[in-house]
Protein backbone atom coordinates (compact mmCIF):
# COMPACT_ATOMS: atom_id res chain seq x y z
CA MET A 1 -16.50 4.47 -1.94
CA GLU A 2 -14.16 2.20 -3.87
CA TYR A 3 -12.27 -0.70 -2.33
CA SER A 4 -11.22 -4.23 -3.27
CA HIS A 5 -11.39 -7.88 -2.21
CA ARG A 6 -8.56 -10.24 -3.13
CA TYR A 7 -8.75 -14.03 -3.33
CA ARG A 8 -6.32 -16.88 -3.97
CA ALA A 9 -7.12 -18.58 -7.29
CA TYR A 10 -6.61 -22.19 -8.39
CA PRO A 11 -6.91 -22.45 -12.20
CA THR A 12 -6.67 -25.88 -13.80
CA GLY A 13 -3.60 -26.62 -15.92
CA GLU A 14 -5.48 -25.94 -19.15
CA VAL A 15 -6.99 -22.67 -17.91
CA ALA A 16 -3.62 -21.58 -16.46
CA GLU A 17 -2.05 -22.01 -19.92
CA ARG A 18 -4.76 -19.82 -21.46
CA LEU A 19 -4.30 -17.24 -18.71
CA GLU A 20 -0.55 -17.09 -19.36
CA HIS A 21 -1.16 -16.79 -23.10
CA HIS A 22 -3.56 -13.88 -22.57
CA LEU A 23 -1.09 -12.23 -20.18
CA ASP A 24 1.54 -12.35 -22.89
CA VAL A 25 -0.81 -10.97 -25.57
CA HIS A 26 -1.81 -8.11 -23.24
CA ARG A 27 1.88 -7.45 -22.66
CA GLN A 28 2.41 -7.22 -26.43
CA LEU A 29 -0.55 -4.85 -26.70
CA TYR A 30 0.83 -2.67 -23.91
CA ASN A 31 4.20 -2.48 -25.65
CA HIS A 32 2.50 -1.62 -28.95
CA VAL A 33 0.49 1.15 -27.28
CA ARG A 34 3.75 2.48 -25.88
CA TRP A 35 5.48 2.28 -29.27
CA HIS A 36 2.56 4.01 -31.02
CA TYR A 37 2.66 6.81 -28.42
CA GLU A 38 6.45 7.22 -28.66
CA GLN A 39 6.33 7.44 -32.47
CA ALA A 40 3.84 10.32 -32.46
CA PRO A 41 5.16 13.92 -32.66
CA GLU A 42 5.69 15.67 -29.33
CA ASP A 43 2.94 18.17 -30.10
CA ASP A 44 0.43 15.53 -31.21
CA LYS A 45 0.59 12.64 -28.74
CA PRO A 46 -2.42 10.28 -28.91
CA SER A 47 -4.87 10.27 -26.01
CA GLU A 48 -6.28 7.18 -24.30
CA TYR A 49 -9.53 7.71 -26.20
CA GLY A 50 -7.65 7.98 -29.50
CA GLN A 51 -5.72 4.77 -28.90
CA ASN A 52 -8.87 2.93 -27.88
CA ASN A 53 -10.31 3.88 -31.27
CA LYS A 54 -7.23 2.31 -32.86
CA LEU A 55 -7.93 -1.11 -31.32
CA PRO A 56 -10.25 -2.40 -34.14
CA GLU A 57 -7.60 -1.47 -36.73
CA TRP A 58 -4.84 -3.16 -34.74
CA LYS A 59 -6.96 -6.30 -34.33
CA ARG A 60 -7.42 -6.53 -38.11
CA LYS A 61 -3.72 -5.98 -38.73
CA TRP A 62 -2.52 -8.31 -35.95
CA PRO A 63 -5.12 -11.07 -35.40
CA VAL A 64 -3.51 -12.09 -32.09
CA PHE A 65 -4.97 -8.92 -30.54
CA GLY A 66 -8.41 -10.14 -31.64
CA GLU A 67 -8.16 -12.94 -29.06
CA LEU A 68 -8.57 -10.39 -26.28
CA HIS A 69 -11.85 -9.27 -24.80
CA SER A 70 -12.61 -5.69 -25.85
CA LYS A 71 -12.95 -4.29 -22.30
CA ALA A 72 -9.78 -6.05 -21.17
CA ALA A 73 -7.90 -4.58 -24.15
CA GLN A 74 -9.20 -1.09 -23.28
CA ALA A 75 -8.06 -1.62 -19.68
CA THR A 76 -4.54 -2.35 -20.98
CA VAL A 77 -4.57 0.93 -22.94
CA ALA A 78 -5.80 2.69 -19.80
CA ARG A 79 -2.98 1.06 -17.84
CA PHE A 80 -0.36 2.65 -20.10
CA HIS A 81 -1.92 6.11 -19.80
CA ARG A 82 -2.28 5.73 -16.02
CA ASN A 83 1.44 4.90 -15.78
CA LEU A 84 2.15 7.90 -18.00
CA SER A 85 0.09 10.16 -15.74
CA ASN A 86 1.91 8.90 -12.64
CA LEU A 87 5.22 9.62 -14.36
CA ARG A 88 4.14 13.20 -15.09
CA LYS A 89 3.05 13.73 -11.48
CA LYS A 90 6.46 12.61 -10.23
CA LYS A 91 8.16 14.96 -12.66
CA GLU A 92 5.99 17.85 -11.45
CA LYS A 93 7.11 17.11 -7.89
CA GLY A 94 10.75 17.46 -8.91
CA TYR A 95 11.72 13.81 -9.34
CA THR A 96 14.10 12.86 -12.13
CA VAL A 97 12.12 10.53 -14.39
CA GLY A 98 12.76 8.85 -17.72
CA ARG A 99 10.31 7.18 -20.06
CA LEU A 100 8.09 4.19 -19.60
CA LYS A 101 9.96 0.99 -20.44
CA ARG A 102 8.90 -1.99 -22.49
CA GLN A 103 7.25 -4.69 -20.42
CA THR A 104 9.12 -7.99 -20.22
CA PRO A 105 7.40 -11.40 -19.97
CA THR A 106 8.41 -11.69 -16.31
CA GLY A 107 7.37 -8.13 -15.47
CA TYR A 108 3.84 -8.08 -16.88
CA ARG A 109 1.73 -10.30 -14.62
CA SER A 110 -1.87 -9.02 -14.48
CA VAL A 111 -4.92 -8.43 -16.67
CA THR A 112 -8.00 -6.38 -15.78
CA TYR A 113 -11.55 -6.88 -17.04
CA SER A 114 -13.52 -3.67 -16.67
CA GLN A 115 -17.34 -3.66 -16.47
CA SER A 116 -17.82 -6.83 -18.52
CA GLY A 117 -16.10 -10.01 -19.67
CA PHE A 118 -16.40 -11.82 -16.33
CA ASP A 119 -18.96 -13.64 -14.18
CA LEU A 120 -18.92 -14.63 -10.51
CA ASP A 121 -20.73 -17.81 -9.47
CA GLU A 122 -20.92 -18.08 -5.68
CA LYS A 123 -23.08 -21.22 -5.72
CA MET A 124 -20.91 -23.28 -8.05
CA GLY A 125 -18.31 -23.89 -5.35
CA HIS A 126 -18.58 -25.21 -1.78
CA ASP A 127 -16.71 -24.90 1.52
CA LYS A 128 -15.73 -21.27 0.97
CA TYR A 129 -14.92 -21.67 -2.72
CA ALA A 130 -16.47 -19.90 -5.71
CA TYR A 131 -15.77 -19.62 -9.44
CA VAL A 132 -15.01 -16.71 -11.74
CA ARG A 133 -15.41 -16.95 -15.51
CA PHE A 134 -13.17 -14.86 -17.72
CA SER A 135 -14.26 -14.34 -21.30
CA LYS A 136 -12.23 -16.37 -23.81
CA ILE A 137 -10.34 -18.07 -20.94
CA GLY A 138 -12.70 -20.12 -18.78
CA TRP A 139 -13.73 -20.74 -15.18
CA VAL A 140 -11.23 -20.15 -12.35
CA LYS A 141 -11.74 -21.51 -8.84
CA ILE A 142 -11.11 -19.03 -5.99
CA ARG A 143 -10.96 -19.41 -2.21
CA TYR A 144 -14.00 -17.31 -1.34
CA SER A 145 -12.81 -16.34 2.14
CA ARG A 146 -15.18 -13.37 2.48
CA PRO A 147 -18.33 -12.87 0.41
CA ILE A 148 -18.73 -9.72 -1.62
CA PRO A 149 -21.30 -7.50 0.17
CA ASP A 150 -24.80 -7.39 -1.35
CA ASN A 151 -24.65 -3.59 -1.48
CA ALA A 152 -21.39 -3.59 -3.49
CA THR A 153 -21.13 -3.30 -7.27
CA ILE A 154 -18.29 -5.11 -9.03
CA LYS A 155 -16.62 -2.53 -11.27
CA GLU A 156 -13.67 -4.59 -12.46
CA VAL A 157 -11.86 -7.88 -11.92
CA THR A 158 -8.08 -8.38 -12.09
CA VAL A 159 -6.33 -11.73 -12.42
CA LYS A 160 -2.64 -11.78 -11.46
CA LYS A 161 0.18 -14.29 -11.38
CA GLU A 162 2.68 -13.57 -8.63
CA THR A 163 6.42 -14.21 -8.98
CA THR A 164 5.88 -17.24 -6.72
CA GLY A 165 3.67 -18.83 -9.39
CA GLU A 166 0.50 -18.29 -7.33
CA TRP A 167 -2.64 -16.86 -8.95
CA PHE A 168 -4.91 -14.24 -7.39
CA VAL A 169 -8.18 -12.63 -8.40
CA SER A 170 -9.09 -9.13 -7.17
CA PHE A 171 -12.54 -7.54 -7.36
CA GLY A 172 -12.74 -3.75 -7.58
CA LEU A 173 -15.90 -2.84 -5.65
CA GLU A 174 -17.96 0.32 -5.31
CA THR A 175 -20.52 1.11 -2.63
CA ASN A 176 -22.55 4.12 -1.61
CA ASP A 177 -20.79 6.32 0.96
CA ALA A 178 -24.00 6.23 3.00
CA ASP A 179 -23.27 2.57 3.79
CA PHE A 180 -20.29 3.58 5.95
CA PRO A 181 -20.16 5.44 9.28
CA GLU A 182 -20.05 9.23 9.06
CA LYS A 183 -16.91 10.92 10.25
CA PRO A 184 -17.31 12.98 13.45
CA ASN A 185 -17.80 16.71 13.09
CA VAL A 186 -14.41 18.41 13.05
CA ASP A 187 -15.55 20.92 15.67
CA THR A 188 -16.09 18.12 18.19
CA LEU A 189 -12.52 16.82 18.02
CA ASP A 190 -10.23 17.21 21.03
CA THR A 191 -7.01 15.63 22.24
CA SER A 192 -8.85 12.91 24.16
CA ASN A 193 -10.21 11.34 20.97
CA SER A 194 -7.40 12.36 18.59
CA VAL A 195 -3.84 11.13 18.29
CA GLY A 196 -0.60 12.10 16.60
CA ILE A 197 1.58 9.31 15.23
CA ASP A 198 5.35 9.42 14.93
CA LEU A 199 6.70 6.75 12.58
CA GLY A 200 9.76 5.94 14.59
CA ILE A 201 13.20 4.40 14.45
CA LEU A 202 13.42 2.48 17.73
CA ASN A 203 9.66 1.82 17.75
CA TYR A 204 7.35 1.13 14.84
CA ILE A 205 5.03 3.92 15.96
CA HIS A 206 4.87 6.26 18.94
CA THR A 207 1.57 7.93 19.81
CA SER A 208 1.03 11.33 21.37
CA ASP A 209 -0.90 9.76 24.27
CA GLY A 210 2.02 7.59 25.37
CA LYS A 211 1.79 4.26 23.53
CA THR A 212 4.61 2.61 21.61
CA VAL A 213 4.44 -0.37 19.25
CA ASP A 214 7.57 -2.43 18.66
CA TRP A 215 9.11 -3.27 15.32
CA LEU A 216 8.11 -6.54 13.74
CA GLY A 217 10.94 -9.06 14.14
CA LEU A 218 12.04 -10.22 10.69
CA GLU A 219 15.59 -11.38 11.45
CA ASP A 220 14.86 -15.08 10.84
CA GLU A 221 13.05 -14.31 7.59
CA TYR A 222 15.96 -12.22 6.29
CA ASP A 223 18.45 -14.91 7.28
CA ARG A 224 16.44 -17.43 5.27
CA LEU A 225 16.22 -15.00 2.34
CA ARG A 226 20.00 -14.59 2.28
CA ARG A 227 20.48 -18.38 2.32
CA GLU A 228 18.06 -18.91 -0.56
CA GLN A 229 19.64 -16.07 -2.55
CA ARG A 230 23.09 -17.60 -2.12
CA LYS A 231 21.74 -20.90 -3.44
CA LEU A 232 20.20 -19.05 -6.40
CA SER A 233 23.52 -17.40 -7.24
CA ARG A 234 25.06 -20.87 -7.67
CA LYS A 235 22.45 -22.05 -10.20
CA GLN A 236 22.86 -21.69 -13.95
CA LYS A 237 20.53 -18.94 -15.11
CA GLY A 238 17.78 -20.26 -17.39
CA SER A 239 17.98 -23.85 -16.12
CA ASN A 240 15.09 -25.70 -14.45
CA ASN A 241 16.95 -25.70 -11.14
CA TYR A 242 17.41 -21.94 -11.41
CA GLU A 243 13.68 -21.44 -11.94
CA LYS A 244 12.82 -23.67 -8.97
CA GLN A 245 15.23 -21.78 -6.73
CA ARG A 246 14.01 -18.41 -8.04
CA GLN A 247 10.51 -19.35 -6.94
CA LYS A 248 11.81 -20.27 -3.47
CA VAL A 249 13.42 -16.82 -3.19
CA ALA A 250 10.20 -15.20 -4.39
CA LYS A 251 8.17 -17.12 -1.79
CA VAL A 252 10.42 -15.94 1.04
CA LYS A 253 10.09 -12.35 -0.16
CA ARG A 254 6.36 -12.83 -0.45
CA HIS A 255 6.22 -14.18 3.11
CA ILE A 256 8.03 -11.08 4.42
CA LYS A 257 5.72 -8.79 2.48
CA ARG A 258 2.60 -10.55 3.75
CA LYS A 259 3.84 -10.50 7.34
CA VAL A 260 4.47 -6.74 7.18
CA LEU A 261 1.08 -6.13 5.53
CA ASP A 262 -0.75 -8.22 8.14
CA TYR A 263 1.01 -6.30 10.92
CA GLN A 264 0.03 -2.97 9.38
CA HIS A 265 -3.58 -4.10 8.95
CA LYS A 266 -3.82 -4.84 12.68
CA ILE A 267 -2.20 -1.57 13.78
CA THR A 268 -4.25 0.64 11.43
CA THR A 269 -7.50 -1.12 12.38
CA TRP A 270 -6.79 -0.43 16.04
CA LEU A 271 -6.02 3.23 15.35
CA VAL A 272 -9.20 3.98 13.38
CA ARG A 273 -11.39 2.13 15.90
CA GLU A 274 -9.78 3.81 18.91
CA TYR A 275 -9.68 7.45 17.75
CA ASP A 276 -11.93 9.94 15.95
CA ALA A 277 -8.92 11.58 14.29
CA VAL A 278 -5.43 10.28 13.49
CA PHE A 279 -2.67 12.65 12.40
CA VAL A 280 0.45 11.29 10.69
CA GLU A 281 3.55 12.72 9.06
CA ASP A 282 3.57 13.22 5.30
CA LEU A 283 6.89 11.50 4.71
CA ASN A 284 9.06 11.67 1.61
CA VAL A 285 9.70 7.92 1.62
CA GLN A 286 11.90 7.88 -1.47
CA SER A 287 14.38 10.41 -0.05
CA MET A 288 14.43 8.48 3.26
CA LEU A 289 15.42 5.29 1.47
CA GLN A 290 18.14 7.09 -0.49
CA SER A 291 19.66 8.65 2.63
CA ASP A 292 22.34 7.02 4.77
CA GLY A 293 21.11 4.78 7.59
CA ASN A 294 19.10 1.64 8.06
CA ALA A 295 17.30 1.56 4.72
CA ARG A 296 16.09 -2.00 5.20
CA ASN A 297 14.13 -1.08 8.34
CA LYS A 298 12.55 1.81 6.47
CA GLN A 299 11.48 -0.54 3.72
CA ASP A 300 10.19 -3.04 6.29
CA GLY A 301 8.19 -0.17 7.70
CA ALA A 302 6.68 0.45 4.26
CA TRP A 303 5.49 3.83 5.51
CA ARG A 304 3.65 4.83 2.36
CA GLN A 305 1.75 1.55 2.45
CA PHE A 306 1.00 2.13 6.14
CA ILE A 307 -0.45 5.60 5.46
CA THR A 308 -2.47 4.33 2.49
CA LEU A 309 -3.96 1.56 4.65
CA LEU A 310 -4.71 4.06 7.40
CA GLU A 311 -6.63 6.31 5.00
CA TYR A 312 -8.48 3.33 3.55
CA LYS A 313 -9.51 2.04 7.00
CA ALA A 314 -10.53 5.55 8.07
CA ASP A 315 -13.17 5.67 5.34
CA LEU A 316 -14.50 2.28 6.44
CA HIS A 317 -14.73 3.23 10.12
CA GLY A 318 -15.59 6.93 9.95
CA THR A 319 -12.30 8.37 11.21
CA HIS A 320 -10.44 11.50 10.12
CA VAL A 321 -6.88 10.89 8.88
CA VAL A 322 -4.79 13.97 8.13
CA GLN A 323 -1.20 14.10 6.89
CA VAL A 324 0.87 16.98 8.22
CA GLU A 325 4.22 18.52 7.36
CA ALA A 326 6.94 16.23 8.72
CA ARG A 327 9.84 18.68 8.67
CA GLY A 328 10.87 19.85 12.12
CA THR A 329 8.60 17.64 14.24
CA THR A 330 11.62 16.17 16.04
CA LYS A 331 13.50 19.45 16.55
CA GLU A 332 10.56 21.58 17.66
CA CYS A 333 9.63 21.54 21.33
CA ALA A 334 6.02 20.39 21.79
CA SER A 335 5.69 22.65 24.84
CA CYS A 336 7.11 26.00 23.72
CA GLY A 337 7.93 25.60 20.00
CA VAL A 338 11.67 26.36 20.24
CA GLU A 339 13.75 24.27 17.81
CA THR A 340 16.75 22.28 19.05
CA ALA A 341 18.97 20.28 16.71
CA LYS A 342 19.25 16.59 17.63
CA PRO A 343 21.50 13.98 16.01
CA VAL A 344 19.68 10.72 15.30
CA TRP A 345 21.42 8.93 18.17
CA VAL A 346 20.02 11.38 20.75
CA ARG A 347 16.80 9.70 21.91
CA GLU A 348 15.66 12.28 24.43
CA HIS A 349 14.17 15.74 24.01
CA ALA A 350 15.36 18.36 26.48
CA CYS A 351 14.31 21.92 25.66
CA PRO A 352 16.91 24.56 26.70
CA ALA A 353 14.21 27.26 26.61
CA CYS A 354 11.40 25.87 28.78
CA GLY A 355 13.01 22.78 30.34
CA PHE A 356 10.43 20.35 28.94
CA GLU A 357 11.86 16.82 28.73
CA THR A 358 10.47 13.68 27.21
CA ASP A 359 11.27 10.89 24.77
CA ARG A 360 12.34 12.17 21.35
CA ASP A 361 9.58 10.29 19.48
CA ALA A 362 6.92 11.27 22.03
CA ASN A 363 7.80 14.93 21.42
CA ALA A 364 7.51 14.42 17.66
CA ALA A 365 4.12 12.68 18.05
CA MET A 366 2.80 15.62 20.11
CA ASN A 367 3.97 18.04 17.42
CA VAL A 368 2.17 15.95 14.79
CA LEU A 369 -1.00 16.20 16.89
CA LYS A 370 -0.65 19.98 17.21
CA ARG A 371 -0.06 20.39 13.48
CA GLY A 372 -3.06 18.19 12.75
CA PHE A 373 -5.32 20.45 14.78
CA SER A 374 -3.86 23.47 13.01
CA GLU A 375 -4.41 21.78 9.62
CA LEU A 376 -8.11 21.39 10.47
CA GLY A 377 -8.34 25.01 11.60
CA LEU A 378 -8.90 24.09 15.24
CA GLY A 379 -7.48 25.92 18.22
CA TRP A 380 -5.08 24.11 20.51
CA PRO A 381 -6.91 23.04 23.71
CA GLU A 382 -5.68 24.42 27.03
CA SER A 383 -5.31 20.91 28.45
CA THR A 384 -3.00 18.89 26.22
CA PRO A 385 -0.96 15.69 26.48
CA VAL A 386 2.17 17.87 26.79
CA GLU A 387 1.22 18.80 30.33
CA THR A 388 0.95 15.20 31.52
CA VAL A 389 4.05 13.68 29.95
CA THR A 390 7.00 12.91 32.14
CA ALA A 391 10.33 13.31 30.64
CA THR A 392 13.10 10.93 29.91
CA ASP A 393 11.59 8.45 32.36
CA THR A 394 9.50 6.48 29.87
CA ALA A 395 7.90 4.25 32.48
CA GLN A 396 4.63 6.07 31.81
CA PHE A 397 4.65 4.96 28.16
CA GLU A 398 2.70 1.81 27.38
CA SER A 399 4.85 -0.43 25.20
CA VAL A 400 3.21 -3.05 23.00
CA SER A 401 5.33 -5.88 21.60
CA ALA A 402 5.06 -7.04 18.01
CA SER A 403 4.20 -10.58 19.14
CA ARG A 404 1.22 -9.25 21.09
CA VAL A 405 -0.10 -7.47 18.00
CA ILE A 406 0.25 -10.65 15.95
CA GLU A 407 -1.36 -12.93 18.53
CA THR A 408 -4.33 -10.78 19.50
CA GLY A 409 -4.91 -9.05 16.18
CA SER A 410 -5.45 -5.74 18.00
CA LEU A 411 -3.90 -3.33 20.44
CA PRO A 412 -4.99 -2.20 23.89
CA SER A 413 -7.20 0.83 24.24
């Protein structure tokens, strides 16, 4: 299994200058790889392997490229082709895509060393600090908040400068799957140890067994962001004061992003520890953001990030995570399957066919659970959560506030 550990880095002034110089040279290499690819005929585009073979020639022609470590330079070539592959995948899914753009100095902020060109010294530091050496750059101090497991192999190391000016070092790790808990046999799953998740509007999530988790309150953070952005708009672009204020704006944005990520870590950890199987909607996040409505809340939700974290945690804890078709989960009755159209402001489900009534999101969560069992080829048990749910009276639902998640770091079982 592959996963990563990320650490805050504290390079000295001299090392930071060398890091920024190497970032810029890698950016130039990336742009040259792009240019070389664009210049080739449509029927004879160079492959990643072919462009890697061009590196010695480019280093002789442009000596600045010779300053880069060979594996780091190959990782930059790989980065271009990975971006190209992602672009093709989006096009195959029907998205309107253009071409990869040139990287600007402010947009290119990370360098990866693959397999070699780095060393980790855990003994050189003290009080939860360690040092990483990057070839042709030097030693960088990191806050070693969690040691790399003895059974993990370091496959690559990435150094990144955030828009806030902070430096981070990430280790790409690989371990044997046998080191992690096995997932339960699919045949043993039932509704008592499985859950469907509706990614809601009024609540952050709503589970099929009657739990709701509130939205994370970010009103104060967004008020501060607007104030800092207004101050930035009054600065002269390119001036020192503009750069200082830009970093303040970036730090507020970074704070919001970290707060959302921390919240999602706590919720997903609870889910994979509590259940043997978690079923979630396969949402088209991009179309949701483009539609009318509260787009900011959808971005705060960062649903794709939430699902990615859920799948990542599931591998660590031995839990099944299955994405199911999202279309129709709200309209379809969880009891009889009859579809009933509901405007977004209607928060209750009342089936005209069978009379089943419940909260709108609870109904959707139950449908997600049913579709998850179907996706795994399992029959629907005779005794299901549908039979025990009371309707529009949501007193039976257990509501968990965002502050409780933050304070305790977990949710109730």
